[in-house]
């Protein structure tokens, strides 16, 4: 039997529709299962956190309540004025902010050193008083500066703060960001650069934030990089690639495998969800992300 081109086309369209419907239905059922999961108990191998800015349309009180319901221990990238609300709900902040001059003006440029040092000198004691042990910092943009010069400059500025950080047992954590898509010209855009900076600073109170989303864009080879540079890393962020959306099968990273690699290094810190949810129920997306990263 032979088929006309029009009939073959119709059959192929129907078959394709069935496949798409089946895949879509399967994904929908998985998402609904995550949304409706009752009595789910986190396995405890990963300490879970979430970045506040991804849920800016959700009040901090509601995010704290959701964090308790999901099993999160931390909400981060929050400033001193928000810390009392976290305490009210028994939450910590694995990586607060509140000091510095933003992402573009960082330690690689000596013209900002005095202002940066003053800012962190004011906030580091507050971090310690609140019972937290880390604070975020940034390299700043290149602005025509070569990476080696920026490395030396950043080490000089950060060394000024190490005695205070060591005294209060607060670690300054520099975020690695991609300069390809989101943060054009940012200097700390490779893990090896951050590790070299940590070596020059020479204190356990300076570490790196390995943002999995950003470093997948810049250098890939995520698991091998984590294994190679684990001693320099004191914090992790998630995010779906491309687009920093949900970390499910709509993106390219295998987060359970990455979480296993992190746990296998002996890491005891926090992993924070830092994806921007696209689904209408943003807190259901957060729950799903936590459960994807919750390995046995």
Protein backbone atom coordinates (compact mmCIF):
# COMPACT_ATOMS: atom_id res chain seq x y z
CA UNK A 1 0.00 0.00 0.00
CA UNK A 2 1.23 3.49 -0.78
CA UNK A 3 0.31 6.70 0.91
CA UNK A 4 -0.18 10.08 -0.67
CA UNK A 5 2.06 12.90 0.52
CA UNK A 6 -0.90 14.65 2.16
CA UNK A 7 -1.97 11.49 4.01
CA UNK A 8 1.60 10.76 5.14
CA UNK A 9 1.87 14.34 6.37
CA UNK A 10 -1.39 14.02 8.31
CA UNK A 11 -0.28 10.76 9.94
CA UNK A 12 3.08 12.29 10.92
CA UNK A 13 1.36 15.31 12.43
CA UNK A 14 -0.98 13.07 14.45
CA UNK A 15 1.92 10.91 15.65
CA UNK A 16 3.91 13.98 16.62
CA UNK A 17 0.95 15.38 18.50
CA UNK A 18 0.57 12.12 20.44
CA UNK A 19 4.27 12.12 21.39
CA UNK A 20 4.17 15.75 22.48
CA UNK A 21 0.98 15.16 24.44
CA UNK A 22 2.49 12.13 26.15
CA UNK A 23 5.70 13.97 27.09
CA UNK A 24 3.76 17.04 28.20
CA UNK A 25 1.37 14.91 30.24
CA UNK A 26 4.23 13.06 31.93
CA UNK A 27 5.96 16.31 32.87
CA UNK A 28 2.69 17.79 34.12
CA UNK A 29 2.07 14.78 36.34
CA UNK A 30 5.57 15.06 37.80
CA UNK A 31 5.09 18.75 38.52
CA UNK A 32 1.70 18.13 40.09
CA UNK A 33 3.19 15.38 42.23
CA UNK A 34 5.85 17.79 43.49
CA UNK A 35 3.21 20.43 44.16
CA UNK A 36 0.96 18.08 46.11
CA UNK A 37 3.63 16.10 47.97
CA UNK A 38 2.53 15.75 51.58
CA UNK A 39 4.79 14.62 54.35
CA UNK A 40 7.89 14.64 52.16
CA UNK A 41 10.94 14.43 54.41
CA UNK A 42 14.22 15.83 53.15
CA UNK A 43 17.02 13.31 53.11
CA UNK A 44 19.55 15.53 54.89
CA UNK A 45 22.57 15.15 52.63
CA UNK A 46 22.18 18.68 51.24
CA UNK A 47 21.52 21.79 53.32
CA UNK A 48 18.94 23.78 51.37
CA UNK A 49 18.64 27.55 50.99
CA UNK A 50 16.87 29.96 48.64
CA UNK A 51 17.75 33.38 47.22
CA UNK A 52 15.26 36.07 48.20
CA UNK A 53 15.39 38.09 44.97
CA UNK A 54 13.93 35.25 42.88
CA UNK A 55 10.67 35.59 44.85
CA UNK A 56 10.41 39.35 45.09
CA UNK A 57 6.64 39.23 44.45
CA UNK A 58 6.23 36.94 47.46
CA UNK A 59 6.34 38.70 50.83
CA UNK A 60 9.27 37.78 53.06
CA UNK A 61 6.85 36.47 55.68
CA UNK A 62 5.19 34.18 53.14
CA UNK A 63 8.56 33.03 51.81
CA UNK A 64 9.65 32.20 55.37
CA UNK A 65 6.48 30.17 55.93
CA UNK A 66 7.01 28.35 52.63
CA UNK A 67 10.63 27.68 53.56
CA UNK A 68 9.52 26.01 56.78
CA UNK A 69 6.89 23.96 54.94
CA UNK A 70 9.37 22.80 52.28
CA UNK A 71 12.19 22.12 54.73
CA UNK A 72 14.58 24.93 53.82
CA UNK A 73 16.91 26.10 56.56
CA UNK A 74 17.97 29.41 55.03
CA UNK A 75 16.90 32.42 52.99
CA UNK A 76 19.81 34.40 51.59
CA UNK A 77 20.81 37.58 49.81
CA UNK A 78 18.94 39.47 52.50
CA UNK A 79 20.16 42.55 54.36
CA UNK A 80 20.24 43.45 58.07
CA UNK A 81 16.72 44.90 58.05
CA UNK A 82 15.36 41.49 56.97
CA UNK A 83 17.31 39.29 59.37
CA UNK A 84 14.84 39.62 62.30
CA UNK A 85 12.05 38.18 60.14
CA UNK A 86 14.18 35.12 59.38
CA UNK A 87 14.90 34.66 63.09
CA UNK A 88 11.17 34.84 63.79
CA UNK A 89 10.70 31.73 61.66
CA UNK A 90 13.77 29.89 62.93
CA UNK A 91 15.71 30.39 59.69
CA UNK A 92 19.32 31.34 59.10
CA UNK A 93 20.87 33.23 56.20
CA UNK A 94 23.61 31.14 54.62
CA UNK A 95 24.85 34.09 52.56
CA UNK A 96 23.55 37.55 53.53
CA UNK A 97 24.43 40.83 51.91
CA UNK A 98 24.41 44.39 53.16
CA UNK A 99 27.93 45.61 52.35
CA UNK A 100 29.76 46.63 49.22
CA UNK A 101 29.06 48.80 46.19
CA UNK A 102 27.26 46.33 43.94
CA UNK A 103 28.48 43.91 41.30
CA UNK A 104 30.26 46.34 38.97
CA UNK A 105 32.33 48.21 41.59
CA UNK A 106 34.44 45.65 43.40
CA UNK A 107 37.79 44.80 44.88
CA UNK A 108 39.66 44.66 41.58
CA UNK A 109 39.72 48.48 41.42
CA UNK A 110 41.79 50.30 44.09
CA UNK A 111 39.71 53.47 43.77
CA UNK A 112 36.91 51.62 45.61
CA UNK A 113 39.03 49.98 48.31
CA UNK A 114 38.54 52.56 51.06
CA UNK A 115 34.78 52.67 50.58
CA UNK A 116 34.53 48.88 50.37
CA UNK A 117 36.65 48.34 53.46
CA UNK A 118 34.57 50.85 55.43
CA UNK A 119 31.34 49.18 54.31
CA UNK A 120 32.44 45.66 55.23
CA UNK A 121 33.96 46.85 58.51
CA UNK A 122 30.51 48.09 59.49
CA UNK A 123 28.57 45.01 58.40
CA UNK A 124 30.84 42.07 59.29
CA UNK A 125 30.29 42.55 63.07
CA UNK A 126 26.53 42.70 62.44
CA UNK A 127 26.68 39.45 60.49
CA UNK A 128 28.47 37.76 63.38
CA UNK A 129 26.08 39.23 65.96
CA UNK A 130 23.13 37.85 63.97
CA UNK A 131 24.69 34.38 64.14
CA UNK A 132 25.64 34.16 60.46
CA UNK A 133 29.09 33.26 59.17
CA UNK A 134 29.34 34.45 55.56
CA UNK A 135 28.81 37.59 53.49
CA UNK A 136 28.86 38.03 49.72
CA UNK A 137 31.35 40.19 47.81
CA UNK A 138 32.24 40.88 44.17
CA UNK A 139 35.29 41.39 41.98
CA UNK A 140 33.85 44.28 39.97
CA UNK A 141 34.04 44.82 36.20
CA UNK A 142 37.25 44.89 34.18
CA UNK A 143 36.80 48.33 32.60
CA UNK A 144 39.85 47.68 30.44
CA UNK A 145 41.96 46.23 33.27
CA UNK A 146 43.79 42.97 32.60
CA UNK A 147 42.94 40.02 34.81
CA UNK A 148 46.38 39.71 36.42
CA UNK A 149 46.33 43.34 37.55
CA UNK A 150 42.79 42.93 38.84
CA UNK A 151 43.84 39.82 40.74
CA UNK A 152 46.64 41.68 42.53
CA UNK A 153 44.41 44.67 43.28
CA UNK A 154 41.63 42.50 44.69
CA UNK A 155 44.05 40.62 46.93
CA UNK A 156 45.37 43.90 48.36
CA UNK A 157 41.87 45.15 49.15
CA UNK A 158 40.61 41.90 50.62
CA UNK A 159 43.69 41.41 52.81
CA UNK A 160 42.77 44.62 54.61
CA UNK A 161 39.58 42.93 55.81
CA UNK A 162 40.91 39.52 56.71
CA UNK A 163 41.90 40.34 60.32
CA UNK A 164 38.37 41.54 61.04
CA UNK A 165 36.78 38.61 59.19
CA UNK A 166 38.98 36.18 61.11
CA UNK A 167 38.19 37.87 64.42
CA UNK A 168 34.42 37.56 63.87
CA UNK A 169 34.62 34.20 62.05
CA UNK A 170 32.81 35.57 59.03
CA UNK A 171 33.86 34.40 55.55
CA UNK A 172 33.82 36.82 52.64
CA UNK A 173 32.52 34.88 49.64
CA UNK A 174 33.15 36.19 46.13
CA UNK A 175 30.57 35.21 43.55
CA UNK A 176 31.69 33.81 40.22
CA UNK A 177 29.42 35.27 37.50
CA UNK A 178 29.23 34.81 33.75
CA UNK A 179 30.38 37.74 31.61
CA UNK A 180 28.92 36.21 28.45
CA UNK A 181 25.17 36.64 29.02
CA UNK A 182 24.25 38.38 32.27
CA UNK A 183 27.16 40.41 33.63
CA UNK A 184 29.18 41.77 30.75
CA UNK A 185 32.78 42.65 31.67
CA UNK A 186 32.67 41.09 35.15
CA UNK A 187 36.17 39.96 36.13
CA UNK A 188 35.59 36.93 38.40
CA UNK A 189 34.08 34.92 35.58
CA UNK A 190 36.29 31.80 35.79
CA UNK A 191 36.84 29.42 38.66
CA UNK A 192 40.62 29.35 38.24
CA UNK A 193 40.78 33.16 38.60
CA UNK A 194 38.86 33.00 41.87
CA UNK A 195 41.07 30.20 43.16
CA UNK A 196 44.20 32.20 42.29
CA UNK A 197 42.75 35.15 44.20
CA UNK A 198 42.06 32.96 47.24
CA UNK A 199 45.67 31.77 47.15
CA UNK A 200 46.92 35.37 47.13
CA UNK A 201 44.58 36.46 49.94
CA UNK A 202 45.82 33.52 51.99
CA UNK A 203 43.02 33.26 54.55
CA UNK A 204 40.34 30.66 55.18
CA UNK A 205 37.97 33.59 55.61
CA UNK A 206 37.95 34.23 51.87
CA UNK A 207 36.18 31.69 49.65
CA UNK A 208 34.20 31.41 46.43
CA UNK A 209 30.53 31.16 45.57
CA UNK A 210 30.35 28.64 42.73
CA UNK A 211 27.19 29.56 40.84
CA UNK A 212 26.43 26.48 38.75
CA UNK A 213 24.31 28.42 36.26
CA UNK A 214 26.99 31.04 35.63
CA UNK A 215 29.89 28.63 35.42
CA UNK A 216 28.06 26.26 33.08
CA UNK A 217 27.74 29.20 30.68
CA UNK A 218 31.38 30.28 31.05
CA UNK A 219 33.33 27.04 31.29
CA UNK A 220 31.08 23.98 31.56
CA UNK A 221 32.68 20.80 32.92
CA UNK A 222 30.82 21.47 36.16
CA UNK A 223 31.47 18.28 38.12
CA UNK A 224 35.17 18.09 37.23
CA UNK A 225 35.57 21.77 38.15
CA UNK A 226 33.87 21.25 41.51
CA UNK A 227 36.16 18.32 42.26
CA UNK A 228 39.27 20.26 41.25
CA UNK A 229 38.50 23.47 43.14
CA UNK A 230 36.39 22.19 46.05
CA UNK A 231 38.70 23.58 48.75
CA UNK A 232 38.10 27.12 47.51
CA UNK A 233 34.29 26.86 47.43
CA UNK A 234 32.11 27.59 50.45
CA UNK A 235 28.74 28.10 48.75
CA UNK A 236 26.71 26.97 45.72
CA UNK A 237 23.83 28.42 43.70
CA UNK A 238 21.56 26.65 41.21
CA UNK A 239 19.82 27.81 38.05
CA UNK A 240 18.53 26.25 34.85
CA UNK A 241 20.63 26.73 31.71
CA UNK A 242 19.71 28.49 29.54
CA UNK A 243 17.59 31.25 31.06
CA UNK A 244 18.02 30.67 34.84
CA UNK A 245 14.56 29.12 35.00
CA UNK A 246 13.41 25.88 36.65
CA UNK A 247 16.07 23.20 37.13
CA UNK A 248 13.92 20.33 35.85
CA UNK A 249 14.20 18.52 32.50
CA UNK A 250 13.40 21.72 30.59
CA UNK A 251 17.10 22.67 30.83
CA UNK A 252 20.49 21.07 30.18
CA UNK A 253 22.05 20.41 33.60
CA UNK A 254 21.74 17.16 35.55
CA UNK A 255 21.26 18.58 39.03
CA UNK A 256 20.97 15.29 40.97
CA UNK A 257 24.36 14.23 39.57
CA UNK A 258 25.85 17.63 40.43
CA UNK A 259 24.46 17.45 43.98
CA UNK A 260 25.95 13.98 44.41
CA UNK A 261 29.33 15.28 43.26
CA UNK A 262 29.12 18.17 45.74
CA UNK A 263 28.17 15.85 48.60
CA UNK A 264 30.93 13.42 47.67
CA UNK A 265 33.53 16.15 48.23
CA UNK A 266 32.48 16.23 51.89
CA UNK A 267 30.84 19.65 51.54
CA UNK A 268 28.71 20.58 54.57
CA UNK A 269 27.58 24.08 53.58
CA UNK A 270 24.43 25.22 51.80
CA UNK A 271 23.12 24.93 48.26
CA UNK A 272 20.74 27.76 47.37
CA UNK A 273 18.03 27.69 44.73
CA UNK A 274 18.63 30.76 42.55
CA UNK A 275 16.44 30.09 39.55
CA UNK A 276 13.69 32.47 38.45
CA UNK A 277 10.46 30.43 38.39
CA UNK A 278 8.41 30.66 35.21
CA UNK A 279 5.41 28.65 36.40
CA UNK A 280 2.43 30.54 37.89
CA UNK A 281 2.85 28.80 41.25
CA UNK A 282 6.34 30.01 42.08
CA UNK A 283 6.48 28.28 45.46
CA UNK A 284 5.60 24.96 43.81
CA UNK A 285 8.59 25.52 41.53
CA UNK A 286 10.75 26.14 44.58
CA UNK A 287 9.55 22.93 46.21
CA UNK A 288 10.27 21.01 43.03
CA UNK A 289 13.78 22.49 42.81
CA UNK A 290 14.57 21.52 46.39
CA UNK A 291 13.33 17.97 45.84
CA UNK A 292 15.39 17.63 42.63
CA UNK A 293 18.50 18.56 44.64
CA UNK A 294 17.55 16.40 47.63
CA UNK A 295 19.73 13.36 47.06
CA UNK A 296 20.05 10.26 49.24
